[in-house]
Amino acid sequence: MTTPIDDYNSISPRVNGEFLQNFNGRFVLLPCEIKYFEPDIKSVEVVASDAIAITLITSATKFVEVLGQVDVQPEPSSELVLHATRITNMGNNLDLALVQQVIVLIHDSRFADPVFGIEH
């Protein structure tokens, strides 16, 4: 089930933590597992398919896919932040290793631009 937070209707690339920093200021899809929740500040820490931690500004459940705008924080923190626009529940049993393989394939230079329209 999708929970709309803000209206956004465009195509966004599916990414992992490694590719997230290449899309600063753009909207992306991030499949992930929620690891830590801070209800007082309405943020959650998630782990992408490549085991990189990202902070989301929202609340959710176990495995989710987040549509959000990338906000790479400046040095020295370089924290990866995603401002969530839409969260899709991916259930309680998601194979993140398989998700990682698919994302790496999507971003492979042979397919990224001609098939998926991803420019780095």
PDB file of N, CA and C in Angstrom:
ATOM      1  N   MET A   1       0.843  -1.179   0.000  1.00  0.00           N
ATOM      2  CA  MET A   1       0.000   0.000   0.000  1.00  0.00           C
ATOM      3  C   MET A   1       0.886   1.239   0.000  1.00  0.00           C
ATOM      4  N   THR A   2       0.508   2.239  -0.760  1.00  0.00           N
ATOM      5  CA  THR A   2       1.262   3.477  -0.868  1.00  0.00           C
ATOM      6  C   THR A   2       0.609   4.556  -0.029  1.00  0.00           C
ATOM      7  N   THR A   3       1.417   5.267   0.735  1.00  0.00           N
ATOM      8  CA  THR A   3       0.936   6.377   1.524  1.00  0.00           C
ATOM      9  C   THR A   3       1.429   7.669   0.905  1.00  0.00           C
ATOM     10  N   PRO A   4       0.550   8.454   0.239  1.00  0.00           N
ATOM     11  CA  PRO A   4       1.016   9.701  -0.361  1.00  0.00           C
ATOM     12  C   PRO A   4       1.305  10.744   0.714  1.00  0.00           C
ATOM     13  N   ILE A   5       2.450  11.377   0.618  1.00  0.00           N
ATOM     14  CA  ILE A   5       2.826  12.432   1.544  1.00  0.00           C
ATOM     15  C   ILE A   5       2.792  13.769   0.812  1.00  0.00           C
ATOM     16  N   ASP A   6       3.405  13.822  -0.345  1.00  0.00           N
ATOM     17  CA  ASP A   6       3.375  14.979  -1.230  1.00  0.00           C
ATOM     18  C   ASP A   6       3.035  14.484  -2.628  1.00  0.00           C
ATOM     19  N   ASP A   7       2.511  15.365  -3.458  1.00  0.00           N
ATOM     20  CA  ASP A   7       2.188  15.001  -4.830  1.00  0.00           C
ATOM     21  C   ASP A   7       3.454  14.993  -5.676  1.00  0.00           C
ATOM     22  N   TYR A   8       3.794  13.849  -6.262  1.00  0.00           N
ATOM     23  CA  TYR A   8       4.952  13.722  -7.150  1.00  0.00           C
ATOM     24  C   TYR A   8       4.639  12.645  -8.173  1.00  0.00           C
ATOM     25  N   ASN A   9       4.648  12.989  -9.442  1.00  0.00           N
ATOM     26  CA  ASN A   9       4.255  12.054 -10.500  1.00  0.00           C
ATOM     27  C   ASN A   9       5.269  12.068 -11.634  1.00  0.00           C
ATOM     28  N   SER A  10       6.463  11.592 -11.400  1.00  0.00           N
ATOM     29  CA  SER A  10       7.482  11.542 -12.430  1.00  0.00           C
ATOM     30  C   SER A  10       8.250  10.234 -12.308  1.00  0.00           C
ATOM     31  N   ILE A  11       9.104   9.943 -13.275  1.00  0.00           N
ATOM     32  CA  ILE A  11       9.918   8.728 -13.246  1.00  0.00           C
ATOM     33  C   ILE A  11      11.162   8.992 -12.416  1.00  0.00           C
ATOM     34  N   SER A  12      11.472   8.074 -11.508  1.00  0.00           N
ATOM     35  CA  SER A  12      12.639   8.204 -10.639  1.00  0.00           C
ATOM     36  C   SER A  12      13.426   6.911 -10.654  1.00  0.00           C
ATOM     37  N   PRO A  13      14.766   6.993 -10.673  1.00  0.00           N
ATOM     38  CA  PRO A  13      15.568   5.766 -10.692  1.00  0.00           C
ATOM     39  C   PRO A  13      15.545   5.043  -9.349  1.00  0.00           C
ATOM     40  N   ARG A  14      15.603   3.730  -9.394  1.00  0.00           N
ATOM     41  CA  ARG A  14      15.721   2.911  -8.188  1.00  0.00           C
ATOM     42  C   ARG A  14      17.204   2.861  -7.838  1.00  0.00           C
ATOM     43  N   VAL A  15      17.558   3.135  -6.570  1.00  0.00           N
ATOM     44  CA  VAL A  15      18.964   3.238  -6.166  1.00  0.00           C
ATOM     45  C   VAL A  15      19.218   2.456  -4.881  1.00  0.00           C
ATOM     46  N   ASN A  16      20.516   2.309  -4.569  1.00  0.00           N
ATOM     47  CA  ASN A  16      20.941   1.809  -3.264  1.00  0.00           C
ATOM     48  C   ASN A  16      21.715   2.945  -2.595  1.00  0.00           C
ATOM     49  N   GLY A  17      22.311   2.694  -1.446  1.00  0.00           N
ATOM     50  CA  GLY A  17      23.044   3.732  -0.729  1.00  0.00           C
ATOM     51  C   GLY A  17      24.229   4.281  -1.498  1.00  0.00           C
ATOM     52  N   GLU A  18      24.941   3.423  -2.211  1.00  0.00           N
ATOM     53  CA  GLU A  18      26.108   3.861  -2.974  1.00  0.00           C
ATOM     54  C   GLU A  18      25.721   4.842  -4.080  1.00  0.00           C
ATOM     55  N   PHE A  19      24.649   4.559  -4.803  1.00  0.00           N
ATOM     56  CA  PHE A  19      24.236   5.406  -5.918  1.00  0.00           C
ATOM     57  C   PHE A  19      23.486   6.653  -5.462  1.00  0.00           C
ATOM     58  N   LEU A  20      22.996   6.659  -4.221  1.00  0.00           N
ATOM     59  CA  LEU A  20      22.199   7.773  -3.714  1.00  0.00           C
ATOM     60  C   LEU A  20      22.914   9.109  -3.855  1.00  0.00           C
ATOM     61  N   GLN A  21      24.199   9.157  -3.514  1.00  0.00           N
ATOM     62  CA  GLN A  21      24.933  10.419  -3.551  1.00  0.00           C
ATOM     63  C   GLN A  21      25.074  10.982  -4.966  1.00  0.00           C
ATOM     64  N   ASN A  22      24.889  10.162  -5.998  1.00  0.00           N
ATOM     65  CA  ASN A  22      24.957  10.638  -7.383  1.00  0.00           C
ATOM     66  C   ASN A  22      23.700  11.392  -7.805  1.00  0.00           C
ATOM     67  N   PHE A  23      22.681  11.405  -6.958  1.00  0.00           N
ATOM     68  CA  PHE A  23      21.399  11.990  -7.322  1.00  0.00           C
ATOM     69  C   PHE A  23      20.992  13.111  -6.372  1.00  0.00           C
ATOM     70  N   ASN A  24      21.950  13.847  -5.827  1.00  0.00           N
ATOM     71  CA  ASN A  24      21.654  14.924  -4.884  1.00  0.00           C
ATOM     72  C   ASN A  24      20.672  15.924  -5.510  1.00  0.00           C
ATOM     73  N   GLY A  25      19.586  16.203  -4.795  1.00  0.00           N
ATOM     74  CA  GLY A  25      18.575  17.130  -5.258  1.00  0.00           C
ATOM     75  C   GLY A  25      17.512  16.513  -6.145  1.00  0.00           C
ATOM     76  N   ARG A  26      17.702  15.266  -6.571  1.00  0.00           N
ATOM     77  CA  ARG A  26      16.736  14.587  -7.439  1.00  0.00           C
ATOM     78  C   ARG A  26      15.877  13.612  -6.639  1.00  0.00           C
ATOM     79  N   PHE A  27      14.772  13.177  -7.236  1.00  0.00           N
ATOM     80  CA  PHE A  27      13.904  12.190  -6.616  1.00  0.00           C
ATOM     81  C   PHE A  27      14.320  10.792  -7.059  1.00  0.00           C
ATOM     82  N   VAL A  28      14.377   9.855  -6.114  1.00  0.00           N
ATOM     83  CA  VAL A  28      14.783   8.476  -6.377  1.00  0.00           C
ATOM     84  C   VAL A  28      13.853   7.521  -5.637  1.00  0.00           C
ATOM     85  N   LEU A  29      13.944   6.230  -5.984  1.00  0.00           N
ATOM     86  CA  LEU A  29      13.268   5.155  -5.249  1.00  0.00           C
ATOM     87  C   LEU A  29      14.336   4.358  -4.504  1.00  0.00           C
ATOM     88  N   LEU A  30      14.154   4.167  -3.214  1.00  0.00           N
ATOM     89  CA  LEU A  30      15.120   3.445  -2.377  1.00  0.00           C
ATOM     90  C   LEU A  30      14.429   2.290  -1.664  1.00  0.00           C
ATOM     91  N   PRO A  31      14.640   1.020  -2.115  1.00  0.00           N
ATOM     92  CA  PRO A  31      14.126  -0.123  -1.365  1.00  0.00           C
ATOM     93  C   PRO A  31      15.028  -0.338  -0.147  1.00  0.00           C
ATOM     94  N   CYS A  32      14.429  -0.572   1.029  1.00  0.00           N
ATOM     95  CA  CYS A  32      15.243  -0.656   2.238  1.00  0.00           C
ATOM     96  C   CYS A  32      14.511  -1.345   3.386  1.00  0.00           C
ATOM     97  N   GLU A  33      15.270  -1.630   4.431  1.00  0.00           N
ATOM     98  CA  GLU A  33      14.740  -2.211   5.661  1.00  0.00           C
ATOM     99  C   GLU A  33      14.893  -1.184   6.773  1.00  0.00           C
ATOM    100  N   ILE A  34      13.836  -0.994   7.560  1.00  0.00           N
ATOM    101  CA  ILE A  34      13.894  -0.040   8.666  1.00  0.00           C
ATOM    102  C   ILE A  34      14.657  -0.679   9.824  1.00  0.00           C
ATOM    103  N   LYS A  35      15.676   0.032  10.324  1.00  0.00           N
ATOM    104  CA  LYS A  35      16.518  -0.481  11.402  1.00  0.00           C
ATOM    105  C   LYS A  35      16.254   0.204  12.736  1.00  0.00           C
ATOM    106  N   TYR A  36      16.017   1.509  12.729  1.00  0.00           N
ATOM    107  CA  TYR A  36      15.896   2.256  13.973  1.00  0.00           C
ATOM    108  C   TYR A  36      14.902   3.384  13.784  1.00  0.00           C
ATOM    109  N   PHE A  37      14.009   3.565  14.747  1.00  0.00           N
ATOM    110  CA  PHE A  37      12.954   4.560  14.627  1.00  0.00           C
ATOM    111  C   PHE A  37      13.026   5.532  15.787  1.00  0.00           C
ATOM    112  N   GLU A  38      12.970   6.832  15.511  1.00  0.00           N
ATOM    113  CA  GLU A  38      12.942   7.870  16.545  1.00  0.00           C
ATOM    114  C   GLU A  38      11.627   8.628  16.434  1.00  0.00           C
ATOM    115  N   PRO A  39      10.598   8.229  17.204  1.00  0.00           N
ATOM    116  CA  PRO A  39       9.265   8.832  17.037  1.00  0.00           C
ATOM    117  C   PRO A  39       9.205  10.316  17.380  1.00  0.00           C
ATOM    118  N   ASP A  40      10.035  10.791  18.286  1.00  0.00           N
ATOM    119  CA  ASP A  40       9.989  12.196  18.681  1.00  0.00           C
ATOM    120  C   ASP A  40      10.386  13.137  17.554  1.00  0.00           C
ATOM    121  N   ILE A  41      11.282  12.705  16.662  1.00  0.00           N
ATOM    122  CA  ILE A  41      11.688  13.582  15.563  1.00  0.00           C
ATOM    123  C   ILE A  41      11.172  13.080  14.216  1.00  0.00           C
ATOM    124  N   LYS A  42      10.286  12.068  14.256  1.00  0.00           N
ATOM    125  CA  LYS A  42       9.655  11.526  13.047  1.00  0.00           C
ATOM    126  C   LYS A  42      10.663  11.174  11.964  1.00  0.00           C
ATOM    127  N   SER A  43      11.728  10.475  12.378  1.00  0.00           N
ATOM    128  CA  SER A  43      12.694   9.991  11.406  1.00  0.00           C
ATOM    129  C   SER A  43      12.962   8.524  11.658  1.00  0.00           C
ATOM    130  N   VAL A  44      13.410   7.839  10.624  1.00  0.00           N
ATOM    131  CA  VAL A  44      13.783   6.437  10.742  1.00  0.00           C
ATOM    132  C   VAL A  44      15.125   6.240  10.078  1.00  0.00           C
ATOM    133  N   GLU A  45      15.890   5.303  10.600  1.00  0.00           N
ATOM    134  CA  GLU A  45      17.139   4.917   9.947  1.00  0.00           C
ATOM    135  C   GLU A  45      16.859   3.647   9.174  1.00  0.00           C
ATOM    136  N   VAL A  46      17.247   3.646   7.902  1.00  0.00           N
ATOM    137  CA  VAL A  46      17.046   2.465   7.067  1.00  0.00           C
ATOM    138  C   VAL A  46      18.385   1.998   6.539  1.00  0.00           C
ATOM    139  N   VAL A  47      18.406   0.746   6.086  1.00  0.00           N
ATOM    140  CA  VAL A  47      19.600   0.180   5.477  1.00  0.00           C
ATOM    141  C   VAL A  47      19.241  -0.246   4.067  1.00  0.00           C
ATOM    142  N   ALA A  48      19.988   0.272   3.084  1.00  0.00           N
ATOM    143  CA  ALA A  48      19.757  -0.052   1.682  1.00  0.00           C
ATOM    144  C   ALA A  48      20.274  -1.451   1.374  1.00  0.00           C
ATOM    145  N   SER A  49      20.028  -1.931   0.168  1.00  0.00           N
ATOM    146  CA  SER A  49      20.424  -3.282  -0.217  1.00  0.00           C
ATOM    147  C   SER A  49      21.929  -3.489  -0.170  1.00  0.00           C
ATOM    148  N   ASP A  50      22.726  -2.406  -0.233  1.00  0.00           N
ATOM    149  CA  ASP A  50      24.184  -2.530  -0.144  1.00  0.00           C
ATOM    150  C   ASP A  50      24.705  -2.235   1.256  1.00  0.00           C
ATOM    151  N   ALA A  51      23.816  -2.264   2.270  1.00  0.00           N
ATOM    152  CA  ALA A  51      24.135  -2.132   3.692  1.00  0.00           C
ATOM    153  C   ALA A  51      24.571  -0.718   4.100  1.00  0.00           C
ATOM    154  N   ILE A  52      24.276   0.304   3.295  1.00  0.00           N
ATOM    155  CA  ILE A  52      24.586   1.685   3.657  1.00  0.00           C
ATOM    156  C   ILE A  52      23.386   2.278   4.378  1.00  0.00           C
ATOM    157  N   ALA A  53      23.636   2.948   5.524  1.00  0.00           N
ATOM    158  CA  ALA A  53      22.574   3.529   6.344  1.00  0.00           C
ATOM    159  C   ALA A  53      22.165   4.895   5.804  1.00  0.00           C
ATOM    160  N   ILE A  54      20.851   5.156   5.790  1.00  0.00           N
ATOM    161  CA  ILE A  54      20.290   6.421   5.335  1.00  0.00           C
ATOM    162  C   ILE A  54      19.222   6.849   6.338  1.00  0.00           C
ATOM    163  N   THR A  55      19.126   8.137   6.649  1.00  0.00           N
ATOM    164  CA  THR A  55      18.093   8.668   7.535  1.00  0.00           C
ATOM    165  C   THR A  55      16.926   9.175   6.698  1.00  0.00           C
ATOM    166  N   LEU A  56      15.696   8.708   7.012  1.00  0.00           N
ATOM    167  CA  LEU A  56      14.487   9.181   6.341  1.00  0.00           C
ATOM    168  C   LEU A  56      13.730  10.105   7.284  1.00  0.00           C
ATOM    169  N   ILE A  57      13.183  11.171   6.741  1.00  0.00           N
ATOM    170  CA  ILE A  57      12.370  12.082   7.523  1.00  0.00           C
ATOM    171  C   ILE A  57      10.911  11.677   7.317  1.00  0.00           C
ATOM    172  N   THR A  58      10.425  10.727   8.119  1.00  0.00           N
ATOM    173  CA  THR A  58       9.052  10.210   8.049  1.00  0.00           C
ATOM    174  C   THR A  58       8.896   9.076   9.065  1.00  0.00           C
ATOM    175  N   SER A  59       7.801   8.332   8.995  1.00  0.00           N
ATOM    176  CA  SER A  59       7.636   7.119   9.805  1.00  0.00           C
ATOM    177  C   SER A  59       7.056   6.016   8.920  1.00  0.00           C
ATOM    178  N   ALA A  60       7.293   4.738   9.274  1.00  0.00           N
ATOM    179  CA  ALA A  60       6.860   3.625   8.420  1.00  0.00           C
ATOM    180  C   ALA A  60       6.839   2.291   9.169  1.00  0.00           C
ATOM    181  N   THR A  61       6.974   1.129   8.401  1.00  0.00           N
ATOM    182  CA  THR A  61       7.002  -0.225   8.976  1.00  0.00           C
ATOM    183  C   THR A  61       8.301  -0.973   8.642  1.00  0.00           C
ATOM    184  N   LYS A  62       8.356  -2.351   8.417  1.00  0.00           N
ATOM    185  CA  LYS A  62       9.600  -3.159   8.294  1.00  0.00           C
ATOM    186  C   LYS A  62      10.393  -2.986   6.992  1.00  0.00           C
ATOM    187  N   PHE A  63       9.921  -3.485   5.848  1.00  0.00           N
ATOM    188  CA  PHE A  63      10.576  -3.263   4.555  1.00  0.00           C
ATOM    189  C   PHE A  63       9.721  -2.278   3.766  1.00  0.00           C
ATOM    190  N   VAL A  64      10.354  -1.268   3.227  1.00  0.00           N
ATOM    191  CA  VAL A  64       9.639  -0.247   2.469  1.00  0.00           C
ATOM    192  C   VAL A  64      10.446   0.158   1.236  1.00  0.00           C
ATOM    193  N   GLU A  65       9.767   0.775   0.279  1.00  0.00           N
ATOM    194  CA  GLU A  65      10.446   1.451  -0.817  1.00  0.00           C
ATOM    195  C   GLU A  65      10.031   2.911  -0.711  1.00  0.00           C
ATOM    196  N   VAL A  66      11.020   3.784  -0.677  1.00  0.00           N
ATOM    197  CA  VAL A  66      10.778   5.195  -0.448  1.00  0.00           C
ATOM    198  C   VAL A  66      11.029   5.988  -1.718  1.00  0.00           C
ATOM    199  N   LEU A  67      10.072   6.812  -2.094  1.00  0.00           N
ATOM    200  CA  LEU A  67      10.292   7.817  -3.122  1.00  0.00           C
ATOM    201  C   LEU A  67      10.613   9.093  -2.373  1.00  0.00           C
ATOM    202  N   GLY A  68      11.773   9.667  -2.644  1.00  0.00           N
ATOM    203  CA  GLY A  68      12.144  10.876  -1.936  1.00  0.00           C
ATOM    204  C   GLY A  68      13.224  11.651  -2.646  1.00  0.00           C
ATOM    205  N   GLN A  69      13.457  12.875  -2.153  1.00  0.00           N
ATOM    206  CA  GLN A  69      14.473  13.743  -2.721  1.00  0.00           C
ATOM    207  C   GLN A  69      15.766  13.593  -1.932  1.00  0.00           C
ATOM    208  N   VAL A  70      16.863  13.342  -2.652  1.00  0.00           N
ATOM    209  CA  VAL A  70      18.179  13.118  -2.047  1.00  0.00           C
ATOM    210  C   VAL A  70      18.732  14.437  -1.518  1.00  0.00           C
ATOM    211  N   ASP A  71      19.295  14.377  -0.303  1.00  0.00           N
ATOM    212  CA  ASP A  71      19.904  15.556   0.336  1.00  0.00           C
ATOM    213  C   ASP A  71      21.198  15.101   0.992  1.00  0.00           C
ATOM    214  N   VAL A  72      22.319  15.130   0.238  1.00  0.00           N
ATOM    215  CA  VAL A  72      23.617  14.736   0.783  1.00  0.00           C
ATOM    216  C   VAL A  72      24.135  15.903   1.615  1.00  0.00           C
ATOM    217  N   GLN A  73      24.369  15.657   2.890  1.00  0.00           N
ATOM    218  CA  GLN A  73      24.836  16.698   3.798  1.00  0.00           C
ATOM    219  C   GLN A  73      26.302  17.019   3.524  1.00  0.00           C
ATOM    220  N   PRO A  74      26.699  18.290   3.720  1.00  0.00           N
ATOM    221  CA  PRO A  74      28.090  18.681   3.451  1.00  0.00           C
ATOM    222  C   PRO A  74      29.067  18.069   4.456  1.00  0.00           C
ATOM    223  N   GLU A  75      30.348  18.107   4.075  1.00  0.00           N
ATOM    224  CA  GLU A  75      31.406  17.640   4.975  1.00  0.00           C
ATOM    225  C   GLU A  75      31.339  18.444   6.255  1.00  0.00           C
ATOM    226  N   PRO A  76      31.713  17.949   7.398  1.00  0.00           N
ATOM    227  CA  PRO A  76      32.350  16.657   7.590  1.00  0.00           C
ATOM    228  C   PRO A  76      31.375  15.502   7.751  1.00  0.00           C
ATOM    229  N   SER A  77      30.065  15.756   7.900  1.00  0.00           N
ATOM    230  CA  SER A  77      29.147  14.653   8.181  1.00  0.00           C
ATOM    231  C   SER A  77      28.903  13.769   6.965  1.00  0.00           C
ATOM    232  N   SER A  78      28.658  14.352   5.795  1.00  0.00           N
ATOM    233  CA  SER A  78      28.344  13.613   4.564  1.00  0.00           C
ATOM    234  C   SER A  78      27.212  12.608   4.780  1.00  0.00           C
ATOM    235  N   GLU A  79      26.296  12.914   5.708  1.00  0.00           N
ATOM    236  CA  GLU A  79      25.160  12.034   5.992  1.00  0.00           C
ATOM    237  C   GLU A  79      24.244  11.969   4.776  1.00  0.00           C
ATOM    238  N   LEU A  80      23.749  10.774   4.478  1.00  0.00           N
ATOM    239  CA  LEU A  80      22.802  10.588   3.382  1.00  0.00           C
ATOM    240  C   LEU A  80      21.385  10.734   3.940  1.00  0.00           C
ATOM    241  N   VAL A  81      20.647  11.741   3.476  1.00  0.00           N
ATOM    242  CA  VAL A  81      19.285  12.005   3.943  1.00  0.00           C
ATOM    243  C   VAL A  81      18.355  11.939   2.739  1.00  0.00           C
ATOM    244  N   LEU A  82      17.187  11.350   2.933  1.00  0.00           N
ATOM    245  CA  LEU A  82      16.178  11.269   1.892  1.00  0.00           C
ATOM    246  C   LEU A  82      14.895  11.871   2.453  1.00  0.00           C
ATOM    247  N   HIS A  83      14.398  12.949   1.834  1.00  0.00           N
ATOM    248  CA  HIS A  83      13.141  13.567   2.256  1.00  0.00           C
ATOM    249  C   HIS A  83      12.010  12.803   1.574  1.00  0.00           C
ATOM    250  N   ALA A  84      11.311  11.983   2.361  1.00  0.00           N
ATOM    251  CA  ALA A  84      10.311  11.062   1.822  1.00  0.00           C
ATOM    252  C   ALA A  84       9.100  11.798   1.265  1.00  0.00           C
ATOM    253  N   THR A  85       8.680  11.364   0.083  1.00  0.00           N
ATOM    254  CA  THR A  85       7.479  11.875  -0.557  1.00  0.00           C
ATOM    255  C   THR A  85       6.398  10.801  -0.560  1.00  0.00           C
ATOM    256  N   ARG A  86       6.822   9.555  -0.781  1.00  0.00           N
ATOM    257  CA  ARG A  86       5.879   8.440  -0.806  1.00  0.00           C
ATOM    258  C   ARG A  86       6.590   7.208  -0.265  1.00  0.00           C
ATOM    259  N   ILE A  87       5.888   6.436   0.547  1.00  0.00           N
ATOM    260  CA  ILE A  87       6.436   5.202   1.109  1.00  0.00           C
ATOM    261  C   ILE A  87       5.520   4.057   0.704  1.00  0.00           C
ATOM    262  N   THR A  88       6.112   3.018   0.106  1.00  0.00           N
ATOM    263  CA  THR A  88       5.353   1.836  -0.298  1.00  0.00           C
ATOM    264  C   THR A  88       5.783   0.673   0.577  1.00  0.00           C
ATOM    265  N   ASN A  89       4.836   0.032   1.242  1.00  0.00           N
ATOM    266  CA  ASN A  89       5.121  -1.118   2.077  1.00  0.00           C
ATOM    267  C   ASN A  89       5.552  -2.282   1.194  1.00  0.00           C
ATOM    268  N   MET A  90       6.712  -2.875   1.510  1.00  0.00           N
ATOM    269  CA  MET A  90       7.230  -4.001   0.740  1.00  0.00           C
ATOM    270  C   MET A  90       7.080  -5.320   1.509  1.00  0.00           C
ATOM    271  N   GLY A  91       6.320  -5.310   2.600  1.00  0.00           N
ATOM    272  CA  GLY A  91       6.068  -6.526   3.368  1.00  0.00           C
ATOM    273  C   GLY A  91       7.127  -6.790   4.427  1.00  0.00           C
ATOM    274  N   ASN A  92       7.058  -7.972   5.032  1.00  0.00           N
ATOM    275  CA  ASN A  92       7.977  -8.337   6.107  1.00  0.00           C
ATOM    276  C   ASN A  92       9.060  -9.304   5.673  1.00  0.00           C
ATOM    277  N   ASN A  93       9.080  -9.696   4.409  1.00  0.00           N
ATOM    278  CA  ASN A  93      10.048 -10.674   3.940  1.00  0.00           C
ATOM    279  C   ASN A  93      10.533 -10.271   2.550  1.00  0.00           C
ATOM    280  N   LEU A  94      11.567  -9.439   2.497  1.00  0.00           N
ATOM    281  CA  LEU A  94      12.106  -8.963   1.228  1.00  0.00           C
ATOM    282  C   LEU A  94      13.564  -9.395   1.121  1.00  0.00           C
ATOM    283  N   ASP A  95      13.940  -9.977   0.014  1.00  0.00           N
ATOM    284  CA  ASP A  95      15.312 -10.429  -0.212  1.00  0.00           C
ATOM    285  C   ASP A  95      16.148  -9.249  -0.698  1.00  0.00           C
ATOM    286  N   LEU A  96      16.797  -8.532   0.246  1.00  0.00           N
ATOM    287  CA  LEU A  96      17.589  -7.358  -0.105  1.00  0.00           C
ATOM    288  C   LEU A  96      18.811  -7.716  -0.952  1.00  0.00           C
ATOM    289  N   ALA A  97      19.311  -8.936  -0.846  1.00  0.00           N
ATOM    290  CA  ALA A  97      20.435  -9.349  -1.692  1.00  0.00           C
ATOM    291  C   ALA A  97      19.997  -9.386  -3.158  1.00  0.00           C
ATOM    292  N   LEU A  98      18.799  -9.875  -3.414  1.00  0.00           N
ATOM    293  CA  LEU A  98      18.272  -9.890  -4.773  1.00  0.00           C
ATOM    294  C   LEU A  98      17.995  -8.457  -5.253  1.00  0.00           C
ATOM    295  N   VAL A  99      17.436  -7.636  -4.387  1.00  0.00           N
ATOM    296  CA  VAL A  99      17.200  -6.231  -4.721  1.00  0.00           C
ATOM    297  C   VAL A  99      18.517  -5.557  -5.092  1.00  0.00           C
ATOM    298  N   GLN A 100      19.574  -5.827  -4.323  1.00  0.00           N
ATOM    299  CA  GLN A 100      20.897  -5.257  -4.601  1.00  0.00           C
ATOM    300  C   GLN A 100      21.388  -5.655  -5.987  1.00  0.00           C
ATOM    301  N   GLN A 101      21.225  -6.921  -6.358  1.00  0.00           N
ATOM    302  CA  GLN A 101      21.656  -7.390  -7.680  1.00  0.00           C
ATOM    303  C   GLN A 101      20.906  -6.653  -8.794  1.00  0.00           C
ATOM    304  N   VAL A 102      19.616  -6.456  -8.609  1.00  0.00           N
ATOM    305  CA  VAL A 102      18.815  -5.764  -9.618  1.00  0.00           C
ATOM    306  C   VAL A 102      19.251  -4.304  -9.739  1.00  0.00           C
ATOM    307  N   ILE A 103      19.482  -3.623  -8.617  1.00  0.00           N
ATOM    308  CA  ILE A 103      19.884  -2.212  -8.646  1.00  0.00           C
ATOM    309  C   ILE A 103      21.248  -2.050  -9.311  1.00  0.00           C
ATOM    310  N   VAL A 104      22.194  -2.925  -9.004  1.00  0.00           N
ATOM    311  CA  VAL A 104      23.508  -2.857  -9.644  1.00  0.00           C
ATOM    312  C   VAL A 104      23.361  -3.041 -11.148  1.00  0.00           C
ATOM    313  N   LEU A 105      22.499  -3.966 -11.577  1.00  0.00           N
ATOM    314  CA  LEU A 105      22.257  -4.191 -12.999  1.00  0.00           C
ATOM    315  C   LEU A 105      21.619  -2.952 -13.648  1.00  0.00           C
ATOM    316  N   ILE A 106      20.667  -2.327 -12.975  1.00  0.00           N
ATOM    317  CA  ILE A 106      20.021  -1.114 -13.488  1.00  0.00           C
ATOM    318  C   ILE A 106      21.050  -0.013 -13.738  1.00  0.00           C
ATOM    319  N   HIS A 107      22.041   0.102 -12.850  1.00  0.00           N
ATOM    320  CA  HIS A 107      23.034   1.171 -12.949  1.00  0.00           C
ATOM    321  C   HIS A 107      24.272   0.774 -13.758  1.00  0.00           C
ATOM    322  N   ASP A 108      24.309  -0.450 -14.268  1.00  0.00           N
ATOM    323  CA  ASP A 108      25.399  -0.893 -15.135  1.00  0.00           C
ATOM    324  C   ASP A 108      25.392  -0.014 -16.383  1.00  0.00           C
ATOM    325  N   SER A 109      26.552   0.467 -16.798  1.00  0.00           N
ATOM    326  CA  SER A 109      26.641   1.403 -17.926  1.00  0.00           C
ATOM    327  C   SER A 109      26.034   0.854 -19.217  1.00  0.00           C
ATOM    328  N   ARG A 110      25.959  -0.467 -19.344  1.00  0.00           N
ATOM    329  CA  ARG A 110      25.359  -1.053 -20.545  1.00  0.00           C
ATOM    330  C   ARG A 110      23.855  -0.814 -20.615  1.00  0.00           C
ATOM    331  N   PHE A 111      23.210  -0.634 -19.445  1.00  0.00           N
ATOM    332  CA  PHE A 111      21.756  -0.538 -19.393  1.00  0.00           C
ATOM    333  C   PHE A 111      21.242   0.787 -18.837  1.00  0.00           C
ATOM    334  N   ALA A 112      22.048   1.465 -18.022  1.00  0.00           N
ATOM    335  CA  ALA A 112      21.583   2.632 -17.271  1.00  0.00           C
ATOM    336  C   ALA A 112      20.933   3.683 -18.155  1.00  0.00           C
ATOM    337  N   ASP A 113      21.626   4.140 -19.187  1.00  0.00           N
ATOM    338  CA  ASP A 113      21.070   5.195 -20.027  1.00  0.00           C
ATOM    339  C   ASP A 113      20.098   4.679 -21.077  1.00  0.00           C
ATOM    340  N   PRO A 114      20.481   3.673 -21.894  1.00  0.00           N
ATOM    341  CA  PRO A 114      19.568   3.280 -22.969  1.00  0.00           C
ATOM    342  C   PRO A 114      18.271   2.611 -22.489  1.00  0.00           C
ATOM    343  N   VAL A 115      18.325   1.839 -21.426  1.00  0.00           N
ATOM    344  CA  VAL A 115      17.133   1.105 -20.970  1.00  0.00           C
ATOM    345  C   VAL A 115      16.407   1.849 -19.864  1.00  0.00           C
ATOM    346  N   PHE A 116      17.151   2.324 -18.862  1.00  0.00           N
ATOM    347  CA  PHE A 116      16.526   2.919 -17.680  1.00  0.00           C
ATOM    348  C   PHE A 116      16.581   4.435 -17.654  1.00  0.00           C
ATOM    349  N   GLY A 117      17.273   5.065 -18.594  1.00  0.00           N
ATOM    350  CA  GLY A 117      17.334   6.522 -18.669  1.00  0.00           C
ATOM    351  C   GLY A 117      18.047   7.175 -17.503  1.00  0.00           C
ATOM    352  N   ILE A 118      19.014   6.491 -16.907  1.00  0.00           N
ATOM    353  CA  ILE A 118      19.744   7.015 -15.754  1.00  0.00           C
ATOM    354  C   ILE A 118      21.040   7.674 -16.226  1.00  0.00           C
ATOM    355  N   GLU A 119      21.206   8.919 -15.858  1.00  0.00           N
ATOM    356  CA  GLU A 119      22.440   9.646 -16.159  1.00  0.00           C
ATOM    357  C   GLU A 119      23.136   9.939 -14.836  1.00  0.00           C
ATOM    358  N   HIS A 120      24.410   9.618 -14.750  1.00  0.00           N
ATOM    359  CA  HIS A 120      25.178   9.887 -13.526  1.00  0.00           C
ATOM    360  C   HIS A 120      25.989  11.133 -13.684  1.00  0.00           C
TER     361      HIS A 120
END
